[in-house]
Amino acid sequence: MKNDFIQWFDDSYKDYLQSYDDIEQTYSKEDYRFIFLSSYIFNVITYDDELDLEFGKKIYEVMKSIQDRTTFEYITEPDNYRNYILVCNLLNRFELIDWGTSIRGAWFSKNEIEKVAGCWELDGKVVYENPVISIKELIKWLEIEKLEEK
């Protein structure tokens, strides 16, 4: 995993904690990973941390099922089916997946490593030189039980 990605996440979490100084309820660094996944990596806009957490977990579940090639088992539950179709469309928007004759059998694109993450300021200036992470590395990072504190 590239350090720029971890630095991007750590800086984002620090900013998140500072923005909620006066509120007792903030999310752990482990939970914040899913908020970060939804909000920063896939740019899902909600202005609602609870929804961002829920959406991030669903995005992770679908990515994991695609990686593990268990999509047909995953989509047997109606809610999972809906989430799967929605997340596949999100992943497709970023050109991270392909599918042949059916979206239900999607797989990650070979060039997905180049297109996952990036962080820029509004004026186009690069904040982090190259915060790219592959889907495989991203899933592995999301599965770490406890993140190191800096």
C-alpha atoms as a PDB file:
ATOM      1  CA  MET A   1       0.000   0.000   0.000  1.00  0.00           C
ATOM      2  CA  LYS A   2       1.363   3.407  -0.855  1.00  0.00           C
ATOM      3  CA  ASN A   3       2.050   5.782   2.011  1.00  0.00           C
ATOM      4  CA  ASP A   4       0.261   8.648   0.284  1.00  0.00           C
ATOM      5  CA  PHE A   5      -3.032   6.774   0.567  1.00  0.00           C
ATOM      6  CA  ILE A   6      -2.504   6.134   4.276  1.00  0.00           C
ATOM      7  CA  GLN A   7      -1.473   9.762   4.772  1.00  0.00           C
ATOM      8  CA  TRP A   8      -4.605  10.910   2.942  1.00  0.00           C
ATOM      9  CA  PHE A   9      -6.744   8.738   5.218  1.00  0.00           C
ATOM     10  CA  ASP A  10      -4.919   9.792   8.409  1.00  0.00           C
ATOM     11  CA  ASP A  11      -5.201  13.493   7.517  1.00  0.00           C
ATOM     12  CA  SER A  12      -8.878  13.061   6.709  1.00  0.00           C
ATOM     13  CA  TYR A  13      -9.544  11.318  10.030  1.00  0.00           C
ATOM     14  CA  LYS A  14      -7.675  14.029  11.932  1.00  0.00           C
ATOM     15  CA  ASP A  15      -9.761  16.719  10.169  1.00  0.00           C
ATOM     16  CA  TYR A  16     -12.910  14.735  10.934  1.00  0.00           C
ATOM     17  CA  LEU A  17     -12.086  14.579  14.661  1.00  0.00           C
ATOM     18  CA  GLN A  18     -11.272  18.306  14.772  1.00  0.00           C
ATOM     19  CA  SER A  19     -14.553  19.180  13.103  1.00  0.00           C
ATOM     20  CA  TYR A  20     -16.428  17.349  15.869  1.00  0.00           C
ATOM     21  CA  ASP A  21     -14.497  18.651  18.893  1.00  0.00           C
ATOM     22  CA  ASP A  22     -17.653  19.672  20.709  1.00  0.00           C
ATOM     23  CA  ILE A  23     -19.555  16.450  19.996  1.00  0.00           C
ATOM     24  CA  GLU A  24     -19.032  13.365  22.142  1.00  0.00           C
ATOM     25  CA  GLN A  25     -20.122  10.866  19.482  1.00  0.00           C
ATOM     26  CA  THR A  26     -17.521  10.381  16.786  1.00  0.00           C
ATOM     27  CA  TYR A  27     -16.667   7.249  14.861  1.00  0.00           C
ATOM     28  CA  SER A  28     -13.620   5.134  15.579  1.00  0.00           C
ATOM     29  CA  LYS A  29     -10.758   5.123  13.110  1.00  0.00           C
ATOM     30  CA  GLU A  30     -11.842   1.617  12.100  1.00  0.00           C
ATOM     31  CA  ASP A  31     -15.413   2.722  11.332  1.00  0.00           C
ATOM     32  CA  TYR A  32     -14.188   5.891   9.678  1.00  0.00           C
ATOM     33  CA  ARG A  33     -12.534   3.724   6.994  1.00  0.00           C
ATOM     34  CA  PHE A  34     -16.000   2.973   5.601  1.00  0.00           C
ATOM     35  CA  ILE A  35     -17.037   6.640   5.769  1.00  0.00           C
ATOM     36  CA  PHE A  36     -13.814   7.466   3.917  1.00  0.00           C
ATOM     37  CA  LEU A  37     -14.498   4.753   1.329  1.00  0.00           C
ATOM     38  CA  SER A  38     -17.940   6.122   0.557  1.00  0.00           C
ATOM     39  CA  SER A  39     -17.241   9.846   0.837  1.00  0.00           C
ATOM     40  CA  TYR A  40     -13.690  10.305  -0.383  1.00  0.00           C
ATOM     41  CA  ILE A  41     -12.834   7.388  -2.615  1.00  0.00           C
ATOM     42  CA  PHE A  42     -16.210   7.042  -4.352  1.00  0.00           C
ATOM     43  CA  ASN A  43     -17.469  10.608  -3.798  1.00  0.00           C
ATOM     44  CA  VAL A  44     -20.904   9.620  -2.516  1.00  0.00           C
ATOM     45  CA  ILE A  45     -22.343  12.862  -1.111  1.00  0.00           C
ATOM     46  CA  THR A  46     -24.721  12.549   1.853  1.00  0.00           C
ATOM     47  CA  TYR A  47     -23.666  15.079   4.539  1.00  0.00           C
ATOM     48  CA  ASP A  48     -24.608  12.287   6.950  1.00  0.00           C
ATOM     49  CA  ASP A  49     -21.861  10.235   8.618  1.00  0.00           C
ATOM     50  CA  GLU A  50     -24.269   7.462   9.567  1.00  0.00           C
ATOM     51  CA  LEU A  51     -25.330   7.005   5.941  1.00  0.00           C
ATOM     52  CA  ASP A  52     -21.709   7.263   4.786  1.00  0.00           C
ATOM     53  CA  LEU A  53     -20.793   4.464   7.202  1.00  0.00           C
ATOM     54  CA  GLU A  54     -23.689   2.298   6.007  1.00  0.00           C
ATOM     55  CA  PHE A  55     -22.933   2.946   2.325  1.00  0.00           C
ATOM     56  CA  GLY A  56     -19.223   2.324   2.846  1.00  0.00           C
ATOM     57  CA  LYS A  57     -19.940  -1.054   4.422  1.00  0.00           C
ATOM     58  CA  LYS A  58     -22.210  -1.983   1.513  1.00  0.00           C
ATOM     59  CA  ILE A  59     -19.590  -0.900  -1.029  1.00  0.00           C
ATOM     60  CA  TYR A  60     -17.049  -3.055   0.806  1.00  0.00           C
ATOM     61  CA  GLU A  61     -19.426  -6.060   0.893  1.00  0.00           C
ATOM     62  CA  VAL A  62     -20.012  -5.869  -2.851  1.00  0.00           C
ATOM     63  CA  MET A  63     -16.331  -5.378  -3.653  1.00  0.00           C
ATOM     64  CA  LYS A  64     -15.489  -8.354  -1.449  1.00  0.00           C
ATOM     65  CA  SER A  65     -18.104 -10.545  -3.159  1.00  0.00           C
ATOM     66  CA  ILE A  66     -16.724  -9.561  -6.573  1.00  0.00           C
ATOM     67  CA  GLN A  67     -13.152 -10.242  -5.475  1.00  0.00           C
ATOM     68  CA  ASP A  68     -14.092 -13.606  -3.935  1.00  0.00           C
ATOM     69  CA  ARG A  69     -16.254 -14.506  -6.956  1.00  0.00           C
ATOM     70  CA  THR A  70     -19.271 -15.113  -4.675  1.00  0.00           C
ATOM     71  CA  THR A  71     -21.638 -12.618  -6.276  1.00  0.00           C
ATOM     72  CA  PHE A  72     -24.302 -15.176  -7.133  1.00  0.00           C
ATOM     73  CA  GLU A  73     -24.471 -16.308  -3.494  1.00  0.00           C
ATOM     74  CA  TYR A  74     -24.371 -12.705  -2.249  1.00  0.00           C
ATOM     75  CA  ILE A  75     -27.309 -11.554  -4.376  1.00  0.00           C
ATOM     76  CA  THR A  76     -29.701 -14.309  -3.272  1.00  0.00           C
ATOM     77  CA  GLU A  77     -30.907 -11.972  -0.500  1.00  0.00           C
ATOM     78  CA  PRO A  78     -33.125  -9.197  -1.975  1.00  0.00           C
ATOM     79  CA  ASP A  79     -31.409  -6.329  -0.099  1.00  0.00           C
ATOM     80  CA  ASN A  80     -27.992  -7.583  -1.153  1.00  0.00           C
ATOM     81  CA  TYR A  81     -29.217  -7.843  -4.737  1.00  0.00           C
ATOM     82  CA  ARG A  82     -30.291  -4.182  -4.755  1.00  0.00           C
ATOM     83  CA  ASN A  83     -27.046  -3.070  -3.103  1.00  0.00           C
ATOM     84  CA  TYR A  84     -25.014  -5.136  -5.536  1.00  0.00           C
ATOM     85  CA  ILE A  85     -26.636  -3.619  -8.626  1.00  0.00           C
ATOM     86  CA  LEU A  86     -26.268  -0.093  -7.227  1.00  0.00           C
ATOM     87  CA  VAL A  87     -22.625  -0.538  -6.170  1.00  0.00           C
ATOM     88  CA  CYS A  88     -21.728  -2.196  -9.478  1.00  0.00           C
ATOM     89  CA  ASN A  89     -23.022   0.885 -11.252  1.00  0.00           C
ATOM     90  CA  LEU A  90     -20.908   3.058  -8.943  1.00  0.00           C
ATOM     91  CA  LEU A  91     -17.825   0.913  -9.610  1.00  0.00           C
ATOM     92  CA  ASN A  92     -18.575   1.016 -13.323  1.00  0.00           C
ATOM     93  CA  ARG A  93     -18.723   4.813 -13.207  1.00  0.00           C
ATOM     94  CA  PHE A  94     -15.079   4.724 -12.122  1.00  0.00           C
ATOM     95  CA  GLU A  95     -14.311   2.045 -14.756  1.00  0.00           C
ATOM     96  CA  LEU A  96     -13.264  -0.413 -12.060  1.00  0.00           C
ATOM     97  CA  ILE A  97     -15.341  -3.392 -13.168  1.00  0.00           C
ATOM     98  CA  ASP A  98     -16.361  -5.198 -16.309  1.00  0.00           C
ATOM     99  CA  TRP A  99     -19.037  -7.750 -17.015  1.00  0.00           C
ATOM    100  CA  GLY A 100     -19.888  -9.880 -19.977  1.00  0.00           C
ATOM    101  CA  THR A 101     -23.527 -10.660 -20.649  1.00  0.00           C
ATOM    102  CA  SER A 102     -24.677 -10.103 -17.053  1.00  0.00           C
ATOM    103  CA  ILE A 103     -23.825  -7.506 -14.406  1.00  0.00           C
ATOM    104  CA  ARG A 104     -24.338 -10.285 -11.844  1.00  0.00           C
ATOM    105  CA  GLY A 105     -21.039 -11.860 -12.849  1.00  0.00           C
ATOM    106  CA  ALA A 106     -18.917  -8.693 -12.731  1.00  0.00           C
ATOM    107  CA  TRP A 107     -15.162  -8.757 -12.218  1.00  0.00           C
ATOM    108  CA  PHE A 108     -12.569  -6.098 -11.504  1.00  0.00           C
ATOM    109  CA  SER A 109     -10.901  -4.514 -14.514  1.00  0.00           C
ATOM    110  CA  LYS A 110      -7.253  -5.251 -15.117  1.00  0.00           C
ATOM    111  CA  ASN A 111      -6.381  -1.548 -15.034  1.00  0.00           C
ATOM    112  CA  GLU A 112      -8.326  -0.791 -11.832  1.00  0.00           C
ATOM    113  CA  ILE A 113      -5.157  -0.042  -9.871  1.00  0.00           C
ATOM    114  CA  GLU A 114      -4.704   3.224 -11.773  1.00  0.00           C
ATOM    115  CA  LYS A 115      -8.169   4.608 -11.139  1.00  0.00           C
ATOM    116  CA  VAL A 116      -9.204   4.093  -7.528  1.00  0.00           C
ATOM    117  CA  ALA A 117      -8.223   7.113  -5.485  1.00  0.00           C
ATOM    118  CA  GLY A 118      -6.925  10.637  -5.770  1.00  0.00           C
ATOM    119  CA  CYS A 119      -7.093  13.811  -3.748  1.00  0.00           C
ATOM    120  CA  TRP A 120      -6.952  17.276  -5.274  1.00  0.00           C
ATOM    121  CA  GLU A 121      -7.743  20.792  -4.090  1.00  0.00           C
ATOM    122  CA  LEU A 122     -10.406  22.811  -5.890  1.00  0.00           C
ATOM    123  CA  ASP A 123      -7.805  24.695  -7.934  1.00  0.00           C
ATOM    124  CA  GLY A 124      -6.482  21.420  -9.324  1.00  0.00           C
ATOM    125  CA  LYS A 125      -3.341  21.338  -7.168  1.00  0.00           C
ATOM    126  CA  VAL A 126      -2.388  17.820  -6.121  1.00  0.00           C
ATOM    127  CA  VAL A 127      -2.554  17.387  -2.348  1.00  0.00           C
ATOM    128  CA  TYR A 128      -1.120  13.871  -2.284  1.00  0.00           C
ATOM    129  CA  GLU A 129       1.322  12.888  -4.974  1.00  0.00           C
ATOM    130  CA  ASN A 130      -0.128   9.491  -5.797  1.00  0.00           C
ATOM    131  CA  PRO A 131      -2.733   8.127  -3.364  1.00  0.00           C
ATOM    132  CA  VAL A 132      -3.545   5.148  -5.561  1.00  0.00           C
ATOM    133  CA  ILE A 133      -4.491   1.845  -4.005  1.00  0.00           C
ATOM    134  CA  SER A 134      -5.591  -1.308  -5.760  1.00  0.00           C
ATOM    135  CA  ILE A 135      -8.968  -2.850  -5.019  1.00  0.00           C
ATOM    136  CA  LYS A 136      -7.234  -5.879  -3.519  1.00  0.00           C
ATOM    137  CA  GLU A 137      -5.148  -3.664  -1.204  1.00  0.00           C
ATOM    138  CA  LEU A 138      -8.199  -1.556  -0.375  1.00  0.00           C
ATOM    139  CA  ILE A 139     -10.257  -4.598   0.637  1.00  0.00           C
ATOM    140  CA  LYS A 140      -7.365  -5.920   2.732  1.00  0.00           C
ATOM    141  CA  TRP A 141      -7.032  -2.514   4.440  1.00  0.00           C
ATOM    142  CA  LEU A 142     -10.779  -2.440   5.181  1.00  0.00           C
ATOM    143  CA  GLU A 143     -10.484  -5.864   6.857  1.00  0.00           C
ATOM    144  CA  ILE A 144      -7.787  -4.846   9.360  1.00  0.00           C
ATOM    145  CA  GLU A 145      -9.357  -5.096  12.799  1.00  0.00           C
ATOM    146  CA  LYS A 146      -7.413  -2.329  14.526  1.00  0.00           C
ATOM    147  CA  LEU A 147      -5.568   0.491  12.796  1.00  0.00           C
ATOM    148  CA  GLU A 148      -2.318   1.825  14.179  1.00  0.00           C
ATOM    149  CA  GLU A 149      -2.462   5.205  15.852  1.00  0.00           C
ATOM    150  CA  LYS A 150       0.056   7.806  14.737  1.00  0.00           C
END
